[in-house]
């Protein structure tokens, strides 16, 4: 089977778009990811997949905490770009974004997000270019109770978003 056929098949898997944040002392960063899922209900555990080249990956490895927030469907492309198209190594992603500091110290974005989950990492799985971070939800809440989650398909088909070269290094 050709790689092209495999990629076409994978395009039918549904994904959401999420902001994932973490901290390293006073430094904070966040990025857009499309792989966030609940693993167990009792205890509440979830997992995320993060590119190893990203600054957020480094911070999660060091601090062992992250927050994940599903984006709302009407999130404007410039806002998505703040977390998805620029690196936190040279740009303060939180300079103009409203957030609160969560229970575990992670930034919880209060604009264009539906809810948040703050997670303490209990296991990591190396999956090649990415790490799967699995953890226990320590705090969660609703930011916007009546929104619709932004899917990856909506992002591409309606917003017409493109993933820029180098976005994996965010």
N, C-alpha and C. Protein backbone atom coordinates (compact mmCIF):
# COMPACT_ATOMS: atom_id res chain seq x y z
N UNK A 1 0.85 -1.18 0.00
CA UNK A 1 0.00 0.00 0.00
C UNK A 1 0.89 1.24 0.00
N UNK A 2 0.56 2.21 -0.80
CA UNK A 2 1.34 3.43 -0.92
C UNK A 2 1.08 4.37 0.25
N UNK A 3 2.09 5.18 0.59
CA UNK A 3 1.97 6.16 1.68
C UNK A 3 0.80 7.09 1.39
N UNK A 4 0.62 7.47 0.13
CA UNK A 4 -0.48 8.37 -0.23
C UNK A 4 -1.82 7.74 0.16
N UNK A 5 -2.00 6.44 -0.10
CA UNK A 5 -3.24 5.76 0.27
C UNK A 5 -3.43 5.74 1.78
N UNK A 6 -2.37 5.51 2.51
CA UNK A 6 -2.45 5.49 3.97
C UNK A 6 -2.86 6.86 4.48
N UNK A 7 -2.21 7.92 3.98
CA UNK A 7 -2.55 9.28 4.42
C UNK A 7 -3.98 9.64 4.09
N UNK A 8 -4.46 9.22 2.91
CA UNK A 8 -5.85 9.49 2.55
C UNK A 8 -6.80 8.79 3.50
N UNK A 9 -6.46 7.56 3.87
CA UNK A 9 -7.29 6.83 4.83
C UNK A 9 -7.31 7.49 6.19
N UNK A 10 -6.15 7.98 6.63
CA UNK A 10 -6.06 8.64 7.94
C UNK A 10 -6.85 9.94 7.99
N UNK A 11 -7.07 10.57 6.83
CA UNK A 11 -7.81 11.84 6.79
C UNK A 11 -9.23 11.71 7.31
N UNK A 12 -9.77 10.49 7.39
CA UNK A 12 -11.15 10.31 7.84
C UNK A 12 -11.26 10.11 9.35
N UNK A 13 -10.14 10.05 10.05
CA UNK A 13 -10.18 10.00 11.50
C UNK A 13 -10.50 11.40 12.00
N UNK A 14 -11.48 11.52 12.89
CA UNK A 14 -11.86 12.84 13.37
C UNK A 14 -10.96 13.28 14.52
N UNK A 15 -10.69 14.56 14.55
CA UNK A 15 -9.84 15.18 15.57
C UNK A 15 -10.47 16.49 15.99
N UNK A 16 -10.12 16.93 17.17
CA UNK A 16 -10.43 18.28 17.60
C UNK A 16 -9.16 19.10 17.53
N UNK A 17 -9.27 20.38 17.78
CA UNK A 17 -8.09 21.23 17.93
C UNK A 17 -8.08 21.77 19.35
N UNK A 18 -6.93 21.68 19.98
CA UNK A 18 -6.77 22.01 21.38
C UNK A 18 -5.56 22.90 21.59
N UNK A 19 -5.61 23.72 22.61
CA UNK A 19 -4.42 24.39 23.10
C UNK A 19 -3.91 23.54 24.27
N UNK A 20 -2.63 23.22 24.24
CA UNK A 20 -1.98 22.55 25.35
C UNK A 20 -0.93 23.51 25.89
N UNK A 21 -0.93 23.71 27.20
CA UNK A 21 0.02 24.62 27.83
C UNK A 21 0.82 23.89 28.91
N UNK A 22 1.95 24.46 29.25
CA UNK A 22 2.75 23.95 30.35
C UNK A 22 3.61 25.09 30.88
N UNK A 23 4.36 24.80 31.94
CA UNK A 23 5.20 25.79 32.60
C UNK A 23 6.57 25.21 32.90
N UNK A 24 7.52 26.13 33.03
CA UNK A 24 8.87 25.79 33.49
C UNK A 24 9.31 26.95 34.37
N UNK A 25 9.05 26.83 35.66
CA UNK A 25 9.31 27.96 36.55
C UNK A 25 8.38 29.10 36.22
N UNK A 26 8.95 30.27 35.88
CA UNK A 26 8.15 31.43 35.50
C UNK A 26 7.78 31.44 34.02
N UNK A 27 8.44 30.60 33.22
CA UNK A 27 8.17 30.56 31.78
C UNK A 27 6.94 29.71 31.52
N UNK A 28 6.16 30.16 30.54
CA UNK A 28 4.97 29.42 30.13
C UNK A 28 4.91 29.36 28.61
N UNK A 29 4.28 28.33 28.10
CA UNK A 29 4.14 28.20 26.66
C UNK A 29 2.90 27.38 26.36
N UNK A 30 2.47 27.47 25.13
CA UNK A 30 1.33 26.69 24.68
C UNK A 30 1.43 26.44 23.20
N UNK A 31 0.69 25.45 22.73
CA UNK A 31 0.71 25.08 21.32
C UNK A 31 -0.62 24.45 20.94
N UNK A 32 -0.86 24.37 19.64
CA UNK A 32 -2.04 23.69 19.12
C UNK A 32 -1.68 22.22 18.89
N UNK A 33 -2.55 21.33 19.36
CA UNK A 33 -2.41 19.90 19.08
C UNK A 33 -3.77 19.37 18.62
N UNK A 34 -3.75 18.21 17.98
CA UNK A 34 -5.02 17.61 17.57
C UNK A 34 -5.24 16.24 18.20
N UNK A 35 -4.37 15.85 19.13
CA UNK A 35 -4.53 14.54 19.76
C UNK A 35 -4.60 14.70 21.27
N UNK A 36 -5.83 14.74 21.77
CA UNK A 36 -6.12 14.80 23.20
C UNK A 36 -7.28 13.83 23.41
N UNK A 37 -7.14 12.92 24.36
CA UNK A 37 -8.25 12.00 24.58
C UNK A 37 -8.28 11.50 26.02
N UNK A 38 -9.50 11.17 26.45
CA UNK A 38 -9.69 10.59 27.77
C UNK A 38 -9.29 9.13 27.70
N UNK A 39 -8.53 8.68 28.71
CA UNK A 39 -8.06 7.29 28.75
C UNK A 39 -8.92 6.47 29.70
N UNK A 40 -9.19 7.00 30.90
CA UNK A 40 -10.02 6.32 31.88
C UNK A 40 -10.91 7.34 32.58
N UNK A 41 -12.01 6.83 33.17
CA UNK A 41 -12.93 7.69 33.90
C UNK A 41 -12.62 7.70 35.39
N UNK A 42 -12.17 6.58 35.93
CA UNK A 42 -11.93 6.46 37.36
C UNK A 42 -10.62 5.74 37.61
N UNK A 43 -9.55 6.44 37.93
CA UNK A 43 -9.48 7.89 38.05
C UNK A 43 -9.50 8.55 36.67
N UNK A 44 -9.87 9.81 36.65
CA UNK A 44 -9.92 10.55 35.37
C UNK A 44 -8.50 10.72 34.85
N UNK A 45 -8.22 10.08 33.73
CA UNK A 45 -6.91 10.19 33.09
C UNK A 45 -7.10 10.54 31.63
N UNK A 46 -6.13 11.28 31.11
CA UNK A 46 -6.16 11.64 29.70
C UNK A 46 -4.76 11.59 29.12
N UNK A 47 -4.69 11.64 27.80
CA UNK A 47 -3.41 11.57 27.10
C UNK A 47 -3.38 12.63 26.01
N UNK A 48 -2.16 13.09 25.72
CA UNK A 48 -1.93 14.01 24.61
C UNK A 48 -0.71 13.52 23.85
N UNK A 49 -0.63 13.87 22.59
CA UNK A 49 0.54 13.56 21.77
C UNK A 49 1.20 14.87 21.37
N UNK A 50 2.51 15.00 21.70
CA UNK A 50 3.21 16.27 21.48
C UNK A 50 4.52 16.01 20.74
N UNK A 51 4.78 16.82 19.71
CA UNK A 51 6.01 16.71 18.95
C UNK A 51 7.22 16.99 19.84
N UNK A 52 8.23 16.13 19.74
CA UNK A 52 9.41 16.23 20.60
C UNK A 52 10.22 17.49 20.36
N UNK A 53 10.08 18.12 19.19
CA UNK A 53 10.88 19.32 18.89
C UNK A 53 10.26 20.59 19.46
N UNK A 54 9.08 20.51 20.04
CA UNK A 54 8.41 21.72 20.51
C UNK A 54 8.88 22.13 21.90
N UNK A 55 8.80 23.43 22.17
CA UNK A 55 9.13 23.98 23.47
C UNK A 55 8.17 23.45 24.53
N UNK A 56 6.90 23.32 24.18
CA UNK A 56 5.92 22.80 25.13
C UNK A 56 6.28 21.39 25.57
N UNK A 57 6.79 20.58 24.64
CA UNK A 57 7.24 19.22 24.98
C UNK A 57 8.32 19.27 26.05
N UNK A 58 9.31 20.15 25.86
CA UNK A 58 10.39 20.29 26.84
C UNK A 58 9.84 20.66 28.22
N UNK A 59 8.87 21.58 28.23
CA UNK A 59 8.31 22.04 29.49
C UNK A 59 7.52 20.94 30.19
N UNK A 60 6.76 20.17 29.43
CA UNK A 60 5.99 19.08 30.04
C UNK A 60 6.93 18.03 30.61
N UNK A 61 8.00 17.70 29.87
CA UNK A 61 8.97 16.73 30.37
C UNK A 61 9.56 17.18 31.71
N UNK A 62 9.86 18.47 31.81
CA UNK A 62 10.50 18.99 33.01
C UNK A 62 9.51 19.16 34.17
N UNK A 63 8.37 19.76 33.91
CA UNK A 63 7.42 20.08 34.99
C UNK A 63 6.48 18.93 35.32
N UNK A 64 6.26 18.03 34.36
CA UNK A 64 5.35 16.89 34.51
C UNK A 64 3.89 17.32 34.67
N UNK A 65 3.54 18.51 34.14
CA UNK A 65 2.16 18.98 34.17
C UNK A 65 1.82 19.64 32.84
N UNK A 66 0.52 19.58 32.49
CA UNK A 66 0.02 20.29 31.32
C UNK A 66 -1.45 20.60 31.52
N UNK A 67 -1.94 21.56 30.73
CA UNK A 67 -3.37 21.85 30.66
C UNK A 67 -3.78 21.68 29.20
N UNK A 68 -4.98 21.17 28.99
CA UNK A 68 -5.52 21.00 27.64
C UNK A 68 -6.89 21.66 27.57
N UNK A 69 -7.10 22.43 26.49
CA UNK A 69 -8.33 23.18 26.32
C UNK A 69 -8.86 23.01 24.90
N UNK A 70 -10.07 22.48 24.71
CA UNK A 70 -10.64 22.42 23.37
C UNK A 70 -11.01 23.82 22.88
N UNK A 71 -10.67 24.11 21.64
CA UNK A 71 -11.02 25.40 21.04
C UNK A 71 -12.48 25.39 20.59
N UNK A 72 -13.10 26.57 20.61
CA UNK A 72 -14.46 26.70 20.11
C UNK A 72 -14.43 26.84 18.59
N UNK A 73 -15.51 26.45 17.94
CA UNK A 73 -15.57 26.40 16.48
C UNK A 73 -15.32 27.76 15.82
N UNK A 74 -15.75 28.84 16.43
CA UNK A 74 -15.60 30.16 15.79
C UNK A 74 -14.30 30.87 16.18
N UNK A 75 -13.30 30.11 16.60
CA UNK A 75 -12.00 30.71 16.94
C UNK A 75 -11.39 31.33 15.69
N UNK A 76 -11.02 32.62 15.73
CA UNK A 76 -10.44 33.25 14.54
C UNK A 76 -9.04 32.72 14.24
N UNK A 77 -8.72 32.68 12.96
CA UNK A 77 -7.43 32.17 12.52
C UNK A 77 -6.24 32.90 13.17
N UNK A 78 -6.27 34.23 13.33
CA UNK A 78 -5.13 34.88 14.00
C UNK A 78 -4.90 34.37 15.43
N UNK A 79 -5.99 34.04 16.15
CA UNK A 79 -5.84 33.50 17.49
C UNK A 79 -5.20 32.11 17.43
N UNK A 80 -5.67 31.28 16.50
CA UNK A 80 -5.07 29.96 16.31
C UNK A 80 -3.59 30.11 15.97
N UNK A 81 -3.29 31.10 15.14
CA UNK A 81 -1.90 31.35 14.75
C UNK A 81 -0.99 31.69 15.91
N UNK A 82 -1.53 32.36 16.93
CA UNK A 82 -0.72 32.69 18.11
C UNK A 82 -0.12 31.43 18.72
N UNK A 83 -0.90 30.38 18.78
CA UNK A 83 -0.44 29.13 19.41
C UNK A 83 0.04 28.10 18.40
N UNK A 84 -0.30 28.28 17.13
CA UNK A 84 0.03 27.25 16.16
C UNK A 84 1.06 27.61 15.11
N UNK A 85 1.32 28.91 14.93
CA UNK A 85 2.20 29.30 13.83
C UNK A 85 3.48 29.99 14.30
N UNK A 86 3.65 30.20 15.59
CA UNK A 86 4.83 30.90 16.10
C UNK A 86 5.44 30.10 17.24
N UNK A 87 6.73 30.23 17.39
CA UNK A 87 7.41 29.51 18.47
C UNK A 87 7.50 30.33 19.74
N UNK A 88 7.29 29.68 20.85
CA UNK A 88 7.43 30.33 22.15
C UNK A 88 8.89 30.58 22.52
N UNK A 89 9.80 30.07 21.71
CA UNK A 89 11.22 30.31 21.97
C UNK A 89 11.58 31.77 21.71
N UNK A 90 10.83 32.44 20.82
CA UNK A 90 11.14 33.83 20.45
C UNK A 90 9.93 34.75 20.55
N UNK A 91 8.77 34.24 21.00
CA UNK A 91 7.53 35.02 21.00
C UNK A 91 6.74 34.67 22.25
N UNK A 92 6.28 35.70 22.99
CA UNK A 92 5.46 35.48 24.18
C UNK A 92 4.01 35.28 23.76
N UNK A 93 3.57 34.05 23.75
CA UNK A 93 2.22 33.72 23.29
C UNK A 93 1.13 34.24 24.22
N UNK A 94 1.49 34.58 25.44
CA UNK A 94 0.50 35.02 26.41
C UNK A 94 0.47 36.53 26.61
N UNK A 95 1.25 37.28 25.83
CA UNK A 95 1.32 38.73 25.99
C UNK A 95 -0.05 39.40 25.80
N UNK A 96 -0.87 38.89 24.86
CA UNK A 96 -2.15 39.52 24.57
C UNK A 96 -3.32 38.54 24.69
N UNK A 97 -3.10 37.42 25.36
CA UNK A 97 -4.13 36.40 25.48
C UNK A 97 -4.58 36.31 26.94
N UNK A 98 -5.89 36.47 27.20
CA UNK A 98 -6.36 36.35 28.58
C UNK A 98 -6.24 34.91 29.09
N UNK A 99 -5.66 34.77 30.27
CA UNK A 99 -5.50 33.44 30.87
C UNK A 99 -5.51 33.59 32.38
N UNK A 100 -5.72 32.47 33.05
CA UNK A 100 -5.56 32.42 34.49
C UNK A 100 -4.53 31.33 34.78
N UNK A 101 -3.91 31.42 35.93
CA UNK A 101 -2.98 30.38 36.34
C UNK A 101 -3.78 29.29 37.04
N UNK A 102 -3.66 28.08 36.51
CA UNK A 102 -4.44 26.97 37.03
C UNK A 102 -3.88 26.38 38.31
N UNK A 103 -4.58 25.40 38.83
CA UNK A 103 -4.25 24.69 40.06
C UNK A 103 -2.83 24.14 40.06
N UNK A 104 -2.38 23.61 38.93
CA UNK A 104 -1.03 23.05 38.81
C UNK A 104 -0.01 24.06 38.28
N UNK A 105 -0.44 25.30 38.06
CA UNK A 105 0.46 26.35 37.60
C UNK A 105 0.46 26.57 36.10
N UNK A 106 -0.29 25.77 35.36
CA UNK A 106 -0.34 25.93 33.91
C UNK A 106 -1.24 27.10 33.53
N UNK A 107 -0.91 27.80 32.44
CA UNK A 107 -1.83 28.82 31.95
C UNK A 107 -3.11 28.16 31.42
N UNK A 108 -4.25 28.70 31.82
CA UNK A 108 -5.55 28.25 31.34
C UNK A 108 -6.11 29.39 30.50
N UNK A 109 -6.18 29.19 29.20
CA UNK A 109 -6.62 30.23 28.26
C UNK A 109 -8.12 30.45 28.41
N UNK A 110 -8.51 31.70 28.60
CA UNK A 110 -9.90 32.04 28.90
C UNK A 110 -10.65 32.61 27.70
N UNK A 111 -10.03 32.63 26.54
CA UNK A 111 -10.67 33.16 25.34
C UNK A 111 -10.66 32.07 24.27
N UNK A 112 -11.81 31.84 23.64
CA UNK A 112 -11.95 30.87 22.54
C UNK A 112 -11.72 29.42 22.96
N UNK A 113 -11.86 29.14 24.25
CA UNK A 113 -11.78 27.76 24.72
C UNK A 113 -13.10 27.38 25.38
N UNK A 114 -13.41 26.09 25.35
CA UNK A 114 -14.67 25.62 25.92
C UNK A 114 -14.52 25.15 27.36
N UNK A 115 -13.41 24.49 27.65
CA UNK A 115 -13.17 23.94 28.97
C UNK A 115 -11.66 23.78 29.15
N UNK A 116 -11.29 23.30 30.32
CA UNK A 116 -9.87 23.02 30.55
C UNK A 116 -9.74 21.80 31.45
N UNK A 117 -8.64 21.11 31.30
CA UNK A 117 -8.26 20.01 32.16
C UNK A 117 -6.79 20.22 32.50
N UNK A 118 -6.48 20.24 33.80
CA UNK A 118 -5.08 20.31 34.22
C UNK A 118 -4.67 18.92 34.66
N UNK A 119 -3.51 18.49 34.15
CA UNK A 119 -3.13 17.09 34.27
C UNK A 119 -1.71 16.96 34.82
N UNK A 120 -1.54 16.01 35.72
CA UNK A 120 -0.23 15.65 36.24
C UNK A 120 0.21 14.37 35.53
N UNK A 121 1.34 14.43 34.85
CA UNK A 121 1.82 13.31 34.05
C UNK A 121 2.25 12.15 34.95
N UNK A 122 1.78 10.95 34.62
CA UNK A 122 2.17 9.75 35.37
C UNK A 122 2.89 8.75 34.48
N UNK A 123 2.82 8.95 33.16
CA UNK A 123 3.48 8.01 32.25
C UNK A 123 3.76 8.71 30.92
N UNK A 124 4.89 8.34 30.30
CA UNK A 124 5.20 8.82 28.95
C UNK A 124 5.47 7.62 28.07
N UNK A 125 5.09 7.75 26.81
CA UNK A 125 5.33 6.71 25.82
C UNK A 125 6.00 7.36 24.62
N UNK A 126 7.19 6.89 24.28
CA UNK A 126 7.92 7.38 23.11
C UNK A 126 7.29 6.75 21.87
N UNK A 127 6.78 7.59 20.97
CA UNK A 127 6.17 7.08 19.74
C UNK A 127 6.88 7.64 18.50
N UNK A 128 8.19 7.78 18.60
CA UNK A 128 8.98 8.26 17.46
C UNK A 128 9.14 9.76 17.50
N UNK A 129 8.47 10.47 16.59
CA UNK A 129 8.60 11.92 16.52
C UNK A 129 7.87 12.62 17.66
N UNK A 130 6.98 11.92 18.33
CA UNK A 130 6.15 12.49 19.38
C UNK A 130 6.29 11.69 20.68
N UNK A 131 5.83 12.31 21.76
CA UNK A 131 5.69 11.61 23.04
C UNK A 131 4.22 11.63 23.40
N UNK A 132 3.73 10.50 23.86
CA UNK A 132 2.39 10.40 24.39
C UNK A 132 2.52 10.63 25.90
N UNK A 133 1.93 11.74 26.39
CA UNK A 133 1.92 12.05 27.81
C UNK A 133 0.58 11.60 28.37
N UNK A 134 0.61 10.74 29.37
CA UNK A 134 -0.59 10.23 30.01
C UNK A 134 -0.58 10.71 31.45
N UNK A 135 -1.72 11.22 31.91
CA UNK A 135 -1.73 11.74 33.27
C UNK A 135 -3.09 11.75 33.91
N UNK A 136 -3.08 12.09 35.18
CA UNK A 136 -4.29 12.16 36.00
C UNK A 136 -4.80 13.59 36.02
N UNK A 137 -6.08 13.75 35.74
CA UNK A 137 -6.70 15.07 35.77
C UNK A 137 -6.81 15.52 37.22
N UNK A 138 -6.18 16.66 37.53
CA UNK A 138 -6.18 17.20 38.89
C UNK A 138 -7.17 18.34 39.06
N UNK A 139 -7.53 18.99 37.95
CA UNK A 139 -8.52 20.07 38.00
C UNK A 139 -9.12 20.21 36.61
N UNK A 140 -10.37 20.62 36.57
CA UNK A 140 -11.05 20.82 35.28
C UNK A 140 -12.19 21.80 35.50
N UNK A 141 -12.60 22.43 34.41
CA UNK A 141 -13.71 23.35 34.50
C UNK A 141 -14.19 23.76 33.13
N UNK A 142 -15.30 24.47 33.11
CA UNK A 142 -15.92 24.95 31.89
C UNK A 142 -15.61 26.43 31.74
N UNK A 143 -15.17 26.83 30.55
CA UNK A 143 -14.91 28.23 30.25
C UNK A 143 -16.11 28.83 29.55
N UNK A 144 -16.64 28.14 28.55
CA UNK A 144 -17.79 28.60 27.77
C UNK A 144 -18.77 27.44 27.64
N UNK A 145 -19.88 27.47 28.37
CA UNK A 145 -20.74 26.29 28.46
C UNK A 145 -21.55 25.93 27.22
N UNK A 146 -21.71 26.82 26.26
CA UNK A 146 -22.62 26.52 25.16
C UNK A 146 -21.96 26.55 23.79
N UNK A 147 -20.68 26.37 23.73
CA UNK A 147 -19.99 26.42 22.45
C UNK A 147 -19.94 25.07 21.76
N UNK A 148 -19.44 25.10 20.53
CA UNK A 148 -19.22 23.89 19.74
C UNK A 148 -17.72 23.74 19.54
N UNK A 149 -17.23 22.53 19.71
CA UNK A 149 -15.79 22.29 19.57
C UNK A 149 -15.33 22.42 18.12
N UNK A 150 -14.15 22.99 17.95
CA UNK A 150 -13.52 23.13 16.64
C UNK A 150 -12.89 21.80 16.25
N UNK A 151 -13.30 21.26 15.12
CA UNK A 151 -12.69 20.03 14.62
C UNK A 151 -11.62 20.38 13.59
N UNK A 152 -10.74 19.43 13.40
CA UNK A 152 -9.69 19.61 12.40
C UNK A 152 -10.30 19.75 11.00
N UNK A 153 -11.36 19.01 10.72
CA UNK A 153 -12.03 19.10 9.42
C UNK A 153 -12.61 20.50 9.20
N UNK A 154 -13.28 21.06 10.21
CA UNK A 154 -13.84 22.41 10.10
C UNK A 154 -12.73 23.42 9.88
N UNK A 155 -11.64 23.26 10.60
CA UNK A 155 -10.48 24.15 10.46
C UNK A 155 -9.99 24.18 9.01
N UNK A 156 -9.86 23.01 8.40
CA UNK A 156 -9.37 22.94 7.02
C UNK A 156 -10.43 23.33 5.99
N UNK A 157 -11.67 22.85 6.16
CA UNK A 157 -12.70 23.03 5.14
C UNK A 157 -13.39 24.40 5.20
N UNK A 158 -13.59 24.95 6.38
CA UNK A 158 -14.33 26.20 6.52
C UNK A 158 -13.41 27.39 6.80
N UNK A 159 -12.54 27.24 7.80
CA UNK A 159 -11.61 28.32 8.13
C UNK A 159 -10.51 28.42 7.08
N UNK A 160 -10.28 27.31 6.38
CA UNK A 160 -9.25 27.22 5.33
C UNK A 160 -7.85 27.37 5.90
N UNK A 161 -7.68 26.85 7.11
CA UNK A 161 -6.38 26.90 7.76
C UNK A 161 -5.40 25.93 7.13
N UNK A 162 -4.17 26.34 7.08
CA UNK A 162 -3.07 25.52 6.57
C UNK A 162 -2.03 25.39 7.67
N UNK A 163 -1.37 24.26 7.72
CA UNK A 163 -0.29 24.07 8.68
C UNK A 163 1.00 24.56 8.05
N UNK A 164 1.59 25.63 8.58
CA UNK A 164 2.80 26.17 7.97
C UNK A 164 4.01 25.28 8.24
N UNK A 165 5.00 25.39 7.34
CA UNK A 165 6.25 24.67 7.53
C UNK A 165 6.86 25.09 8.86
N UNK A 166 7.38 24.13 9.60
CA UNK A 166 8.00 24.43 10.88
C UNK A 166 7.05 24.47 12.05
N UNK A 167 5.76 24.26 11.82
CA UNK A 167 4.79 24.35 12.90
C UNK A 167 5.04 23.30 13.98
N UNK A 168 5.71 22.21 13.63
CA UNK A 168 5.97 21.18 14.63
C UNK A 168 7.00 21.63 15.65
N UNK A 169 7.68 22.73 15.40
CA UNK A 169 8.72 23.22 16.31
C UNK A 169 8.16 24.26 17.28
N UNK A 170 6.89 24.44 17.29
CA UNK A 170 6.24 25.46 18.11
C UNK A 170 6.38 25.08 19.56
